[in-house]
């Protein structure tokens, strides 16, 4: 179900951005916010948070920067060893601490 939702969001972004002029009041846009939610949260939670965000995207709300918040436990210890044959790590999202086990989800910009 997540893959279907992500497919329709990608289709929406490709097709409807040809006709719109940046009418979303938030950064990241509501469709990008929804994609990030579906990638990192459960189906129902992502749907609910995305719907709530879309309902806030109007003239009654201020808008601005509104990154998704995800819950992530960092209890496990991670040890990095130097290895000459190590593969390149590609960072897709950054987790910026908010409070407790909650983090802002910020996507990495693509480099050419």
N, C-alpha and C. Protein backbone atom coordinates (compact mmCIF):
# COMPACT_ATOMS: atom_id res chain seq x y z
N UNK A 1 0.82 -1.20 0.00
CA UNK A 1 0.00 0.00 0.00
C UNK A 1 0.86 1.26 0.00
N UNK A 2 1.99 1.20 0.73
CA UNK A 2 2.87 2.36 0.76
C UNK A 2 3.41 2.65 -0.64
N UNK A 3 3.78 1.59 -1.37
CA UNK A 3 4.33 1.78 -2.71
C UNK A 3 3.30 2.38 -3.64
N UNK A 4 2.04 2.00 -3.49
CA UNK A 4 0.97 2.56 -4.32
C UNK A 4 0.80 4.05 -4.00
N UNK A 5 0.79 4.38 -2.71
CA UNK A 5 0.65 5.79 -2.31
C UNK A 5 1.83 6.61 -2.82
N UNK A 6 3.05 6.07 -2.72
CA UNK A 6 4.23 6.78 -3.21
C UNK A 6 4.18 6.93 -4.73
N UNK A 7 3.66 5.93 -5.44
CA UNK A 7 3.53 6.01 -6.89
C UNK A 7 2.58 7.15 -7.27
N UNK A 8 1.41 7.23 -6.61
CA UNK A 8 0.46 8.29 -6.92
C UNK A 8 0.99 9.68 -6.55
N UNK A 9 1.74 9.76 -5.46
CA UNK A 9 2.34 11.05 -5.10
C UNK A 9 3.38 11.49 -6.13
N UNK A 10 4.18 10.55 -6.61
CA UNK A 10 5.17 10.87 -7.64
C UNK A 10 4.49 11.28 -8.93
N UNK A 11 3.43 10.56 -9.29
CA UNK A 11 2.66 10.90 -10.49
C UNK A 11 2.06 12.29 -10.36
N UNK A 12 1.50 12.59 -9.20
CA UNK A 12 0.93 13.91 -8.94
C UNK A 12 2.00 14.98 -9.09
N UNK A 13 3.17 14.76 -8.52
CA UNK A 13 4.24 15.76 -8.59
C UNK A 13 4.70 15.97 -10.02
N UNK A 14 4.81 14.92 -10.79
CA UNK A 14 5.27 15.06 -12.18
C UNK A 14 4.23 15.75 -13.05
N UNK A 15 2.95 15.40 -12.88
CA UNK A 15 1.92 15.89 -13.78
C UNK A 15 1.39 17.26 -13.38
N UNK A 16 0.99 17.43 -12.13
CA UNK A 16 0.32 18.65 -11.72
C UNK A 16 1.27 19.81 -11.46
N UNK A 17 2.54 19.57 -11.29
CA UNK A 17 3.46 20.70 -11.12
C UNK A 17 3.68 21.44 -12.43
N UNK A 18 3.28 20.84 -13.53
CA UNK A 18 3.35 21.55 -14.81
C UNK A 18 2.36 22.69 -14.88
N UNK A 19 1.25 22.59 -14.13
CA UNK A 19 0.17 23.57 -14.21
C UNK A 19 0.08 24.49 -13.01
N UNK A 20 0.78 24.20 -11.94
CA UNK A 20 0.69 25.05 -10.74
C UNK A 20 1.86 26.04 -10.70
N UNK A 21 1.70 27.04 -9.88
CA UNK A 21 2.71 28.09 -9.77
C UNK A 21 3.21 28.22 -8.33
N UNK A 22 3.49 27.09 -7.70
CA UNK A 22 4.02 27.14 -6.34
C UNK A 22 3.00 27.62 -5.34
N UNK A 23 1.81 27.03 -5.32
CA UNK A 23 0.73 27.52 -4.46
C UNK A 23 0.76 26.95 -3.04
N UNK A 24 1.69 26.07 -2.72
CA UNK A 24 1.76 25.52 -1.38
C UNK A 24 2.35 26.57 -0.43
N UNK A 25 1.76 26.65 0.75
CA UNK A 25 2.18 27.65 1.72
C UNK A 25 3.31 27.17 2.61
N UNK A 26 3.73 25.93 2.46
CA UNK A 26 4.73 25.34 3.34
C UNK A 26 5.96 24.88 2.57
N UNK A 27 7.05 24.76 3.30
CA UNK A 27 8.24 24.09 2.78
C UNK A 27 8.57 22.97 3.74
N UNK A 28 8.75 21.76 3.31
CA UNK A 28 8.58 21.24 1.95
C UNK A 28 7.11 21.25 1.55
N UNK A 29 6.85 21.16 0.26
CA UNK A 29 5.47 21.19 -0.23
C UNK A 29 4.67 20.05 0.38
N UNK A 30 3.37 20.16 0.32
CA UNK A 30 2.51 19.14 0.94
C UNK A 30 2.72 17.77 0.31
N UNK A 31 2.93 17.71 -0.99
CA UNK A 31 3.14 16.41 -1.63
C UNK A 31 4.50 15.82 -1.24
N UNK A 32 5.52 16.65 -1.11
CA UNK A 32 6.83 16.16 -0.69
C UNK A 32 6.78 15.73 0.78
N UNK A 33 6.07 16.48 1.60
CA UNK A 33 5.87 16.13 3.00
C UNK A 33 5.19 14.76 3.10
N UNK A 34 4.16 14.54 2.31
CA UNK A 34 3.44 13.27 2.31
C UNK A 34 4.36 12.12 1.88
N UNK A 35 5.20 12.35 0.86
CA UNK A 35 6.13 11.31 0.43
C UNK A 35 7.08 10.92 1.55
N UNK A 36 7.62 11.90 2.25
CA UNK A 36 8.54 11.62 3.34
C UNK A 36 7.83 10.86 4.46
N UNK A 37 6.58 11.25 4.74
CA UNK A 37 5.81 10.55 5.78
C UNK A 37 5.59 9.09 5.41
N UNK A 38 5.22 8.83 4.15
CA UNK A 38 4.97 7.46 3.73
C UNK A 38 6.26 6.64 3.69
N UNK A 39 7.39 7.28 3.47
CA UNK A 39 8.65 6.55 3.46
C UNK A 39 9.11 6.18 4.87
N UNK A 40 8.80 6.97 5.87
CA UNK A 40 9.36 6.78 7.21
C UNK A 40 8.36 6.38 8.29
N UNK A 41 7.06 6.44 8.05
CA UNK A 41 6.06 6.10 9.06
C UNK A 41 5.14 4.99 8.56
N UNK A 42 4.28 4.51 9.45
CA UNK A 42 3.30 3.50 9.05
C UNK A 42 2.27 4.13 8.12
N UNK A 43 1.52 3.29 7.44
CA UNK A 43 0.56 3.75 6.43
C UNK A 43 -0.49 4.68 7.03
N UNK A 44 -1.12 4.27 8.12
CA UNK A 44 -2.19 5.07 8.70
C UNK A 44 -1.69 6.36 9.33
N UNK A 45 -0.56 6.30 9.99
CA UNK A 45 0.01 7.51 10.58
C UNK A 45 0.42 8.49 9.49
N UNK A 46 1.05 8.00 8.44
CA UNK A 46 1.46 8.87 7.34
C UNK A 46 0.25 9.50 6.65
N UNK A 47 -0.81 8.70 6.46
CA UNK A 47 -2.02 9.24 5.83
C UNK A 47 -2.65 10.32 6.70
N UNK A 48 -2.76 10.05 8.00
CA UNK A 48 -3.36 11.03 8.90
C UNK A 48 -2.56 12.33 8.98
N UNK A 49 -1.25 12.22 9.13
CA UNK A 49 -0.41 13.42 9.22
C UNK A 49 -0.41 14.20 7.91
N UNK A 50 -0.42 13.49 6.79
CA UNK A 50 -0.44 14.17 5.49
C UNK A 50 -1.78 14.87 5.27
N UNK A 51 -2.87 14.22 5.65
CA UNK A 51 -4.19 14.84 5.53
C UNK A 51 -4.29 16.08 6.39
N UNK A 52 -3.79 16.00 7.63
CA UNK A 52 -3.79 17.15 8.53
C UNK A 52 -2.98 18.31 7.94
N UNK A 53 -1.85 17.99 7.33
CA UNK A 53 -1.02 19.02 6.70
C UNK A 53 -1.74 19.68 5.52
N UNK A 54 -2.40 18.87 4.68
CA UNK A 54 -3.12 19.40 3.52
C UNK A 54 -4.27 20.30 3.97
N UNK A 55 -4.95 19.93 5.05
CA UNK A 55 -6.03 20.76 5.57
C UNK A 55 -5.53 22.09 6.12
N UNK A 56 -4.29 22.14 6.58
CA UNK A 56 -3.70 23.39 7.08
C UNK A 56 -3.15 24.27 5.96
N UNK A 57 -3.08 23.77 4.75
CA UNK A 57 -2.48 24.52 3.65
C UNK A 57 -3.53 25.42 3.00
N UNK A 58 -3.87 26.50 3.69
CA UNK A 58 -4.82 27.48 3.16
C UNK A 58 -4.51 28.84 3.77
N UNK A 59 -5.34 29.81 3.46
CA UNK A 59 -5.06 31.18 3.88
C UNK A 59 -5.29 31.42 5.38
N UNK A 60 -5.95 30.49 6.05
CA UNK A 60 -6.21 30.66 7.48
C UNK A 60 -4.99 30.34 8.34
N UNK A 61 -4.01 29.68 7.77
CA UNK A 61 -2.80 29.31 8.50
C UNK A 61 -1.60 30.05 7.92
N UNK A 62 -0.61 30.26 8.74
CA UNK A 62 0.52 31.08 8.38
C UNK A 62 1.43 30.45 7.32
N UNK A 63 1.63 29.14 7.38
CA UNK A 63 2.56 28.49 6.45
C UNK A 63 3.97 28.58 6.98
N UNK A 64 4.95 28.37 6.10
CA UNK A 64 6.35 28.46 6.50
C UNK A 64 7.04 27.12 6.42
N UNK A 65 8.09 26.95 7.21
CA UNK A 65 8.85 25.71 7.21
C UNK A 65 8.21 24.75 8.20
N UNK A 66 7.89 23.55 7.72
CA UNK A 66 7.23 22.55 8.55
C UNK A 66 7.75 21.17 8.15
N UNK A 67 8.87 20.77 8.76
CA UNK A 67 9.44 19.47 8.45
C UNK A 67 8.66 18.37 9.17
N UNK A 68 8.59 17.17 8.58
CA UNK A 68 7.95 16.05 9.26
C UNK A 68 8.71 15.67 10.52
N UNK A 69 7.99 15.19 11.52
CA UNK A 69 8.59 14.72 12.76
C UNK A 69 8.36 13.21 12.84
N UNK A 70 9.42 12.46 13.08
CA UNK A 70 9.32 11.01 13.20
C UNK A 70 9.89 10.58 14.54
N UNK A 71 9.41 9.42 15.02
CA UNK A 71 9.93 8.86 16.25
C UNK A 71 10.96 7.82 15.90
N UNK A 72 12.15 7.92 16.49
CA UNK A 72 13.23 7.01 16.19
C UNK A 72 14.02 6.79 17.46
N UNK A 73 14.23 5.53 17.79
CA UNK A 73 15.00 5.19 18.99
C UNK A 73 16.46 5.02 18.60
N UNK A 74 17.34 5.68 19.32
CA UNK A 74 18.77 5.60 19.05
C UNK A 74 19.50 4.93 20.20
N UNK A 75 18.91 3.90 20.77
CA UNK A 75 19.51 3.21 21.92
C UNK A 75 20.69 2.33 21.54
N UNK A 76 20.71 1.83 20.30
CA UNK A 76 21.79 0.92 19.91
C UNK A 76 23.08 1.70 19.68
N UNK A 77 24.19 1.08 20.07
CA UNK A 77 25.49 1.71 19.86
C UNK A 77 25.97 1.37 18.46
N UNK A 78 26.43 2.36 17.77
CA UNK A 78 26.96 2.15 16.44
C UNK A 78 28.45 2.41 16.46
N UNK A 79 29.21 1.47 15.98
CA UNK A 79 30.66 1.58 15.98
C UNK A 79 31.11 1.61 14.53
N UNK A 80 31.94 2.57 14.18
CA UNK A 80 32.47 2.68 12.83
C UNK A 80 33.94 2.31 12.84
N UNK A 81 34.31 1.45 11.95
CA UNK A 81 35.70 1.05 11.80
C UNK A 81 36.22 1.56 10.47
N UNK A 82 37.47 1.90 10.44
CA UNK A 82 38.08 2.34 9.20
C UNK A 82 38.37 1.12 8.33
N UNK A 83 37.89 1.16 7.11
CA UNK A 83 38.10 0.05 6.19
C UNK A 83 38.43 0.65 4.83
N UNK A 84 39.54 0.26 4.26
CA UNK A 84 39.96 0.80 2.96
C UNK A 84 39.00 0.40 1.85
N UNK A 85 38.31 -0.73 2.02
CA UNK A 85 37.38 -1.19 0.99
C UNK A 85 35.93 -0.78 1.27
N UNK A 86 35.74 0.17 2.17
CA UNK A 86 34.38 0.57 2.53
C UNK A 86 33.68 1.23 1.34
N UNK A 87 32.38 0.96 1.24
CA UNK A 87 31.58 1.54 0.17
C UNK A 87 31.15 2.95 0.55
N UNK A 88 30.83 3.72 -0.46
CA UNK A 88 30.37 5.08 -0.25
C UNK A 88 28.98 5.05 0.37
N UNK A 89 28.77 5.83 1.42
CA UNK A 89 27.48 5.91 2.08
C UNK A 89 26.70 7.08 1.49
N UNK A 90 25.48 6.82 1.07
CA UNK A 90 24.63 7.87 0.53
C UNK A 90 23.60 8.22 1.59
N UNK A 91 23.60 9.47 2.04
CA UNK A 91 22.68 9.93 3.06
C UNK A 91 21.46 10.48 2.36
N UNK A 92 20.29 9.87 2.65
CA UNK A 92 19.05 10.32 2.03
C UNK A 92 18.32 11.31 2.94
N UNK A 93 18.28 11.03 4.26
CA UNK A 93 17.60 11.90 5.21
C UNK A 93 18.53 12.20 6.39
N UNK A 94 18.35 13.38 6.98
CA UNK A 94 19.04 13.75 8.21
C UNK A 94 17.99 13.75 9.31
N UNK A 95 18.36 13.25 10.46
CA UNK A 95 17.48 13.26 11.63
C UNK A 95 18.00 14.32 12.59
N UNK A 96 17.27 15.41 12.71
CA UNK A 96 17.67 16.52 13.59
C UNK A 96 16.86 16.40 14.88
N UNK A 97 17.53 16.29 16.03
CA UNK A 97 16.81 16.07 17.29
C UNK A 97 15.81 17.17 17.61
N UNK A 98 14.65 16.74 18.08
CA UNK A 98 13.63 17.67 18.53
C UNK A 98 13.50 17.57 20.04
N UNK A 99 12.97 16.45 20.54
CA UNK A 99 12.88 16.20 21.98
C UNK A 99 12.66 14.71 22.19
N UNK A 100 13.33 14.15 23.16
CA UNK A 100 13.18 12.73 23.43
C UNK A 100 13.60 11.87 22.25
N UNK A 101 12.70 10.99 21.82
CA UNK A 101 12.96 10.12 20.67
C UNK A 101 12.40 10.68 19.39
N UNK A 102 12.04 11.96 19.35
CA UNK A 102 11.46 12.56 18.16
C UNK A 102 12.50 13.39 17.42
N UNK A 103 12.45 13.31 16.10
CA UNK A 103 13.41 13.98 15.25
C UNK A 103 12.71 14.64 14.08
N UNK A 104 13.24 15.81 13.65
CA UNK A 104 12.81 16.40 12.40
C UNK A 104 13.45 15.61 11.27
N UNK A 105 12.70 15.37 10.22
CA UNK A 105 13.19 14.62 9.07
C UNK A 105 13.50 15.62 7.97
N UNK A 106 14.79 15.75 7.60
CA UNK A 106 15.21 16.71 6.58
C UNK A 106 15.90 15.94 5.48
N UNK A 107 15.46 16.15 4.25
CA UNK A 107 16.00 15.42 3.11
C UNK A 107 17.27 16.10 2.60
N UNK A 108 18.24 15.29 2.17
CA UNK A 108 19.49 15.79 1.63
C UNK A 108 19.26 16.31 0.21
N UNK A 109 19.88 17.43 -0.11
CA UNK A 109 19.79 17.95 -1.47
C UNK A 109 20.63 17.09 -2.40
N UNK A 110 20.17 16.93 -3.63
CA UNK A 110 20.91 16.15 -4.61
C UNK A 110 22.10 16.96 -5.13
N UNK A 111 23.20 16.28 -5.31
CA UNK A 111 24.38 16.92 -5.87
C UNK A 111 24.57 16.42 -7.29
N UNK A 112 25.01 17.30 -8.17
CA UNK A 112 25.26 16.90 -9.56
C UNK A 112 26.68 16.47 -9.75
